[in-house]
PDB file of N, CA and C in Angstrom:
ATOM      1  N   ALA A   1    -106.792 -17.136 107.145  1.00  0.00           N
ATOM      2  CA  ALA A   1    -107.432 -18.350 107.602  1.00  0.00           C
ATOM      3  C   ALA A   1    -106.510 -19.102 108.561  1.00  0.00           C
ATOM      4  N   CYS A   2    -105.232 -19.126 108.252  1.00  0.00           N
ATOM      5  CA  CYS A   2    -104.282 -19.835 109.124  1.00  0.00           C
ATOM      6  C   CYS A   2    -104.156 -19.135 110.470  1.00  0.00           C
ATOM      7  N   ALA A   3    -104.114 -17.807 110.464  1.00  0.00           N
ATOM      8  CA  ALA A   3    -104.020 -17.058 111.718  1.00  0.00           C
ATOM      9  C   ALA A   3    -105.262 -17.290 112.579  1.00  0.00           C
ATOM     10  N   LEU A   4    -106.426 -17.354 111.941  1.00  0.00           N
ATOM     11  CA  LEU A   4    -107.663 -17.623 112.663  1.00  0.00           C
ATOM     12  C   LEU A   4    -107.627 -19.018 113.275  1.00  0.00           C
ATOM     13  N   GLN A   5    -107.202 -19.998 112.520  1.00  0.00           N
ATOM     14  CA  GLN A   5    -107.128 -21.366 113.021  1.00  0.00           C
ATOM     15  C   GLN A   5    -106.163 -21.460 114.210  1.00  0.00           C
ATOM     16  N   THR A   6    -105.018 -20.802 114.117  1.00  0.00           N
ATOM     17  CA  THR A   6    -104.046 -20.796 115.210  1.00  0.00           C
ATOM     18  C   THR A   6    -104.635 -20.143 116.454  1.00  0.00           C
ATOM     19  N   CYS A   7    -105.326 -19.023 116.250  1.00  0.00           N
ATOM     20  CA  CYS A   7    -105.934 -18.306 117.370  1.00  0.00           C
ATOM     21  C   CYS A   7    -106.999 -19.153 118.055  1.00  0.00           C
ATOM     22  N   ILE A   8    -107.848 -19.782 117.266  1.00  0.00           N
ATOM     23  CA  ILE A   8    -108.908 -20.606 117.843  1.00  0.00           C
ATOM     24  C   ILE A   8    -108.317 -21.795 118.600  1.00  0.00           C
ATOM     25  N   SER A   9    -107.269 -22.378 118.069  1.00  0.00           N
ATOM     26  CA  SER A   9    -106.616 -23.489 118.767  1.00  0.00           C
ATOM     27  C   SER A   9    -106.039 -23.040 120.106  1.00  0.00           C
ATOM     28  N   ALA A  10    -105.485 -21.840 120.135  1.00  0.00           N
ATOM     29  CA  ALA A  10    -104.877 -21.323 121.357  1.00  0.00           C
ATOM     30  C   ALA A  10    -105.911 -20.805 122.356  1.00  0.00           C
ATOM     31  N   ASN A  11    -107.111 -20.486 121.881  1.00  0.00           N
ATOM     32  CA  ASN A  11    -108.146 -19.894 122.735  1.00  0.00           C
ATOM     33  C   ASN A  11    -109.436 -20.709 122.689  1.00  0.00           C
ATOM     34  N   THR A  12    -109.298 -22.001 122.855  1.00  0.00           N
ATOM     35  CA  THR A  12    -110.441 -22.914 122.736  1.00  0.00           C
ATOM     36  C   THR A  12    -111.636 -22.465 123.576  1.00  0.00           C
ATOM     37  N   TYR A  13    -111.388 -22.005 124.763  1.00  0.00           N
ATOM     38  CA  TYR A  13    -112.482 -21.645 125.663  1.00  0.00           C
ATOM     39  C   TYR A  13    -112.819 -20.158 125.623  1.00  0.00           C
ATOM     40  N   SER A  14    -112.161 -19.406 124.773  1.00  0.00           N
ATOM     41  CA  SER A  14    -112.437 -17.976 124.618  1.00  0.00           C
ATOM     42  C   SER A  14    -112.356 -17.582 123.147  1.00  0.00           C
ATOM     43  N   PRO A  15    -113.206 -18.171 122.288  1.00  0.00           N
ATOM     44  CA  PRO A  15    -113.112 -17.892 120.853  1.00  0.00           C
ATOM     45  C   PRO A  15    -113.346 -16.429 120.492  1.00  0.00           C
ATOM     46  N   GLU A  16    -114.000 -15.667 121.371  1.00  0.00           N
ATOM     47  CA  GLU A  16    -114.225 -14.244 121.092  1.00  0.00           C
ATOM     48  C   GLU A  16    -112.908 -13.477 120.975  1.00  0.00           C
ATOM     49  N   LYS A  17    -111.828 -14.019 121.524  1.00  0.00           N
ATOM     50  CA  LYS A  17    -110.518 -13.386 121.393  1.00  0.00           C
ATOM     51  C   LYS A  17    -110.016 -13.409 119.950  1.00  0.00           C
ATOM     52  N   CYS A  18    -110.671 -14.191 119.108  1.00  0.00           N
ATOM     53  CA  CYS A  18    -110.248 -14.335 117.715  1.00  0.00           C
ATOM     54  C   CYS A  18    -111.130 -13.545 116.750  1.00  0.00           C
ATOM     55  N   ASP A  19    -112.022 -12.726 117.264  1.00  0.00           N
ATOM     56  CA  ASP A  19    -112.946 -11.979 116.404  1.00  0.00           C
ATOM     57  C   ASP A  19    -112.230 -11.095 115.385  1.00  0.00           C
ATOM     58  N   ALA A  20    -111.099 -10.524 115.750  1.00  0.00           N
ATOM     59  CA  ALA A  20    -110.367  -9.661 114.807  1.00  0.00           C
ATOM     60  C   ALA A  20    -109.874 -10.478 113.616  1.00  0.00           C
ATOM     61  N   HIS A  21    -109.407 -11.696 113.874  1.00  0.00           N
ATOM     62  CA  HIS A  21    -108.960 -12.575 112.786  1.00  0.00           C
ATOM     63  C   HIS A  21    -110.140 -12.981 111.907  1.00  0.00           C
ATOM     64  N   LEU A  22    -111.256 -13.296 112.547  1.00  0.00           N
ATOM     65  CA  LEU A  22    -112.446 -13.694 111.808  1.00  0.00           C
ATOM     66  C   LEU A  22    -112.959 -12.540 110.949  1.00  0.00           C
ATOM     67  N   LYS A  23    -112.944 -11.340 111.492  1.00  0.00           N
ATOM     68  CA  LYS A  23    -113.399 -10.176 110.732  1.00  0.00           C
ATOM     69  C   LYS A  23    -112.521  -9.954 109.504  1.00  0.00           C
ATOM     70  N   ARG A  24    -111.202 -10.070 109.657  1.00  0.00           N
ATOM     71  CA  ARG A  24    -110.306  -9.901 108.509  1.00  0.00           C
ATOM     72  C   ARG A  24    -110.565 -10.961 107.440  1.00  0.00           C
ATOM     73  N   LEU A  25    -110.790 -12.200 107.867  1.00  0.00           N
ATOM     74  CA  LEU A  25    -111.091 -13.264 106.912  1.00  0.00           C
ATOM     75  C   LEU A  25    -112.393 -12.959 106.171  1.00  0.00           C
ATOM     76  N   TYR A  26    -113.434 -12.569 106.893  1.00  0.00           N
ATOM     77  CA  TYR A  26    -114.721 -12.297 106.257  1.00  0.00           C
ATOM     78  C   TYR A  26    -114.645 -11.071 105.345  1.00  0.00           C
ATOM     79  N   GLN A  27    -113.864 -10.073 105.715  1.00  0.00           N
ATOM     80  CA  GLN A  27    -113.682  -8.912 104.832  1.00  0.00           C
ATOM     81  C   GLN A  27    -112.986  -9.336 103.544  1.00  0.00           C
ATOM     82  N   CYS A  28    -112.007 -10.197 103.665  1.00  0.00           N
ATOM     83  CA  CYS A  28    -111.312 -10.708 102.491  1.00  0.00           C
ATOM     84  C   CYS A  28    -112.276 -11.511 101.610  1.00  0.00           C
ATOM     85  N   CYS A  29    -113.071 -12.366 102.223  1.00  0.00           N
ATOM     86  CA  CYS A  29    -114.044 -13.161 101.469  1.00  0.00           C
ATOM     87  C   CYS A  29    -115.057 -12.260 100.772  1.00  0.00           C
ATOM     88  N   SER A  30    -115.509 -11.231 101.466  1.00  0.00           N
ATOM     89  CA  SER A  30    -116.459 -10.297 100.871  1.00  0.00           C
ATOM     90  C   SER A  30    -115.861  -9.639  99.635  1.00  0.00           C
ATOM     91  N   LYS A  31    -114.599  -9.253  99.733  1.00  0.00           N
ATOM     92  CA  LYS A  31    -113.920  -8.641  98.580  1.00  0.00           C
ATOM     93  C   LYS A  31    -113.808  -9.643  97.436  1.00  0.00           C
ATOM     94  N   LEU A  32    -113.507 -10.893  97.734  1.00  0.00           N
ATOM     95  CA  LEU A  32    -113.440 -11.918  96.693  1.00  0.00           C
ATOM     96  C   LEU A  32    -114.780 -12.051  95.977  1.00  0.00           C
ATOM     97  N   TYR A  33    -115.867 -12.087  96.752  1.00  0.00           N
ATOM     98  CA  TYR A  33    -117.193 -12.197  96.146  1.00  0.00           C
ATOM     99  C   TYR A  33    -117.508 -10.962  95.290  1.00  0.00           C
ATOM    100  N   GLN A  34    -117.162  -9.774  95.786  1.00  0.00           N
ATOM    101  CA  GLN A  34    -117.402  -8.541  95.025  1.00  0.00           C
ATOM    102  C   GLN A  34    -116.598  -8.541  93.734  1.00  0.00           C
ATOM    103  N   ASP A  35    -115.324  -8.883  93.819  1.00  0.00           N
ATOM    104  CA  ASP A  35    -114.465  -8.897  92.635  1.00  0.00           C
ATOM    105  C   ASP A  35    -114.970  -9.899  91.608  1.00  0.00           C
ATOM    106  N   ARG A  36    -115.403 -11.045  92.068  1.00  0.00           N
ATOM    107  CA  ARG A  36    -115.916 -12.066  91.147  1.00  0.00           C
ATOM    108  C   ARG A  36    -117.193 -11.582  90.470  1.00  0.00           C
ATOM    109  N   ALA A  37    -118.076 -10.947  91.226  1.00  0.00           N
ATOM    110  CA  ALA A  37    -119.315 -10.430  90.651  1.00  0.00           C
ATOM    111  C   ALA A  37    -119.027  -9.368  89.596  1.00  0.00           C
ATOM    112  N   GLU A  38    -118.051  -8.518  89.878  1.00  0.00           N
ATOM    113  CA  GLU A  38    -117.690  -7.471  88.915  1.00  0.00           C
ATOM    114  C   GLU A  38    -117.060  -8.063  87.658  1.00  0.00           C
ATOM    115  N   SER A  39    -116.266  -9.111  87.819  1.00  0.00           N
ATOM    116  CA  SER A  39    -115.568  -9.669  86.665  1.00  0.00           C
ATOM    117  C   SER A  39    -116.465 -10.531  85.777  1.00  0.00           C
ATOM    118  N   ASP A  40    -117.493 -11.155  86.367  1.00  0.00           N
ATOM    119  CA  ASP A  40    -118.354 -11.994  85.524  1.00  0.00           C
ATOM    120  C   ASP A  40    -119.762 -11.442  85.344  1.00  0.00           C
ATOM    121  N   GLY A  41    -120.031 -10.281  85.931  1.00  0.00           N
ATOM    122  CA  GLY A  41    -121.309  -9.619  85.716  1.00  0.00           C
ATOM    123  C   GLY A  41    -122.468 -10.185  86.506  1.00  0.00           C
ATOM    124  N   THR A  42    -122.203 -11.040  87.497  1.00  0.00           N
ATOM    125  CA  THR A  42    -123.298 -11.584  88.290  1.00  0.00           C
ATOM    126  C   THR A  42    -123.680 -10.618  89.395  1.00  0.00           C
ATOM    127  N   GLU A  43    -124.858 -10.798  89.914  1.00  0.00           N
ATOM    128  CA  GLU A  43    -125.311  -9.999  91.042  1.00  0.00           C
ATOM    129  C   GLU A  43    -124.527 -10.394  92.282  1.00  0.00           C
ATOM    130  N   ARG A  44    -124.202  -9.430  93.112  1.00  0.00           N
ATOM    131  CA  ARG A  44    -123.433  -9.693  94.325  1.00  0.00           C
ATOM    132  C   ARG A  44    -124.220 -10.566  95.305  1.00  0.00           C
ATOM    133  N   HIS A  45    -125.526 -10.437  95.384  1.00  0.00           N
ATOM    134  CA  HIS A  45    -126.328 -11.189  96.337  1.00  0.00           C
ATOM    135  C   HIS A  45    -126.849 -12.489  95.749  1.00  0.00           C
ATOM    136  N   ASN A  46    -126.197 -13.009  94.778  1.00  0.00           N
ATOM    137  CA  ASN A  46    -126.627 -14.205  94.078  1.00  0.00           C
ATOM    138  C   ASN A  46    -125.881 -15.432  94.588  1.00  0.00           C
ATOM    139  N   GLY A  47    -125.582 -15.477  95.887  1.00  0.00           N
ATOM    140  CA  GLY A  47    -124.715 -16.480  96.480  1.00  0.00           C
ATOM    141  C   GLY A  47    -124.978 -17.915  96.087  1.00  0.00           C
ATOM    142  N   SER A  48    -126.241 -18.314  95.948  1.00  0.00           N
ATOM    143  CA  SER A  48    -126.522 -19.708  95.644  1.00  0.00           C
ATOM    144  C   SER A  48    -126.103 -20.099  94.234  1.00  0.00           C
ATOM    145  N   ASP A  49    -126.010 -19.136  93.323  1.00  0.00           N
ATOM    146  CA  ASP A  49    -125.644 -19.430  91.948  1.00  0.00           C
ATOM    147  C   ASP A  49    -124.141 -19.391  91.712  1.00  0.00           C
ATOM    148  N   GLN A  50    -123.390 -18.885  92.661  1.00  0.00           N
ATOM    149  CA  GLN A  50    -121.955 -18.742  92.462  1.00  0.00           C
ATOM    150  C   GLN A  50    -121.234 -20.005  92.902  1.00  0.00           C
ATOM    151  N   GLU A  51    -120.254 -20.401  92.116  1.00  0.00           N
ATOM    152  CA  GLU A  51    -119.445 -21.536  92.513  1.00  0.00           C
ATOM    153  C   GLU A  51    -118.495 -21.102  93.617  1.00  0.00           C
ATOM    154  N   ASN A  52    -118.031 -22.056  94.399  1.00  0.00           N
ATOM    155  CA  ASN A  52    -117.090 -21.736  95.471  1.00  0.00           C
ATOM    156  C   ASN A  52    -115.801 -21.203  94.878  1.00  0.00           C
ATOM    157  N   ILE A  53    -115.262 -20.167  95.513  1.00  0.00           N
ATOM    158  CA  ILE A  53    -114.019 -19.600  95.028  1.00  0.00           C
ATOM    159  C   ILE A  53    -112.894 -19.753  96.038  1.00  0.00           C
ATOM    160  N   SER A  54    -113.221 -20.181  97.244  1.00  0.00           N
ATOM    161  CA  SER A  54    -112.213 -20.396  98.263  1.00  0.00           C
ATOM    162  C   SER A  54    -112.755 -21.349  99.305  1.00  0.00           C
ATOM    163  N   THR A  55    -111.953 -22.323  99.688  1.00  0.00           N
ATOM    164  CA  THR A  55    -112.400 -23.239 100.727  1.00  0.00           C
ATOM    165  C   THR A  55    -112.356 -22.589 102.101  1.00  0.00           C
ATOM    166  N   ALA A  56    -111.671 -21.456 102.242  1.00  0.00           N
ATOM    167  CA  ALA A  56    -111.607 -20.748 103.518  1.00  0.00           C
ATOM    168  C   ALA A  56    -112.813 -19.841 103.721  1.00  0.00           C
ATOM    169  N   CYS A  57    -113.551 -19.548 102.649  1.00  0.00           N
ATOM    170  CA  CYS A  57    -114.676 -18.625 102.739  1.00  0.00           C
ATOM    171  C   CYS A  57    -115.993 -19.363 102.913  1.00  0.00           C
ATOM    172  N   PRO A  58    -116.785 -18.915 103.895  1.00  0.00           N
ATOM    173  CA  PRO A  58    -118.145 -19.441 104.004  1.00  0.00           C
ATOM    174  C   PRO A  58    -118.978 -18.933 102.828  1.00  0.00           C
ATOM    175  N   MET A  59    -120.198 -19.395 102.727  1.00  0.00           N
ATOM    176  CA  MET A  59    -121.090 -18.917 101.668  1.00  0.00           C
ATOM    177  C   MET A  59    -121.235 -17.402 101.781  1.00  0.00           C
ATOM    178  N   GLN A  60    -121.457 -16.767 100.666  1.00  0.00           N
ATOM    179  CA  GLN A  60    -121.533 -15.308 100.596  1.00  0.00           C
ATOM    180  C   GLN A  60    -122.574 -14.738 101.564  1.00  0.00           C
ATOM    181  N   LYS A  61    -123.734 -15.350 101.657  1.00  0.00           N
ATOM    182  CA  LYS A  61    -124.786 -14.846 102.549  1.00  0.00           C
ATOM    183  C   LYS A  61    -124.342 -14.876 104.008  1.00  0.00           C
ATOM    184  N   VAL A  62    -123.594 -15.898 104.384  1.00  0.00           N
ATOM    185  CA  VAL A  62    -123.088 -16.011 105.748  1.00  0.00           C
ATOM    186  C   VAL A  62    -122.092 -14.893 106.022  1.00  0.00           C
ATOM    187  N   VAL A  63    -121.210 -14.655 105.070  1.00  0.00           N
ATOM    188  CA  VAL A  63    -120.213 -13.586 105.207  1.00  0.00           C
ATOM    189  C   VAL A  63    -120.908 -12.237 105.372  1.00  0.00           C
ATOM    190  N   GLU A  64    -121.873 -11.946 104.521  1.00  0.00           N
ATOM    191  CA  GLU A  64    -122.573 -10.658 104.588  1.00  0.00           C
ATOM    192  C   GLU A  64    -123.324 -10.487 105.892  1.00  0.00           C
ATOM    193  N   ARG A  65    -123.996 -11.556 106.338  1.00  0.00           N
ATOM    194  CA  ARG A  65    -124.762 -11.482 107.594  1.00  0.00           C
ATOM    195  C   ARG A  65    -123.813 -11.242 108.775  1.00  0.00           C
ATOM    196  N   TRP A  66    -122.675 -11.950 108.802  1.00  0.00           N
ATOM    197  CA  TRP A  66    -121.741 -11.779 109.910  1.00  0.00           C
ATOM    198  C   TRP A  66    -121.166 -10.366 109.927  1.00  0.00           C
ATOM    199  N   LEU A  67    -120.788  -9.859 108.759  1.00  0.00           N
ATOM    200  CA  LEU A  67    -120.214  -8.516 108.707  1.00  0.00           C
ATOM    201  C   LEU A  67    -121.236  -7.453 109.130  1.00  0.00           C
ATOM    202  N   LYS A  68    -122.510  -7.652 108.805  1.00  0.00           N
ATOM    203  CA  LYS A  68    -123.548  -6.708 109.231  1.00  0.00           C
ATOM    204  C   LYS A  68    -123.704  -6.695 110.740  1.00  0.00           C
ATOM    205  N   SER A  69    -123.575  -7.857 111.355  1.00  0.00           N
ATOM    206  CA  SER A  69    -123.779  -7.939 112.803  1.00  0.00           C
ATOM    207  C   SER A  69    -122.503  -7.657 113.604  1.00  0.00           C
ATOM    208  N   HIS A  70    -121.372  -7.462 112.912  1.00  0.00           N
ATOM    209  CA  HIS A  70    -120.105  -7.144 113.573  1.00  0.00           C
ATOM    210  C   HIS A  70    -119.436  -5.953 112.873  1.00  0.00           C
ATOM    211  N   PRO A  71    -120.039  -4.767 113.034  1.00  0.00           N
ATOM    212  CA  PRO A  71    -119.487  -3.579 112.332  1.00  0.00           C
ATOM    213  C   PRO A  71    -118.113  -3.158 112.795  1.00  0.00           C
TER     214      PRO A  71
END
């Protein structure tokens, strides 16, 4: 998250240069959501019922949608 913030600050007019940082953050968030679902037995796509687990992570549905559109 810090690397992404630094990149965006340095590339205000070219945020696409930070896509690699954003992808790593979203992959990490996706893993957090998966691990939490496995540990508490909830469905992975149950984003609205899950409490926030990181202030750096967007909602689970947002993470999944972004990762699908950025393979």
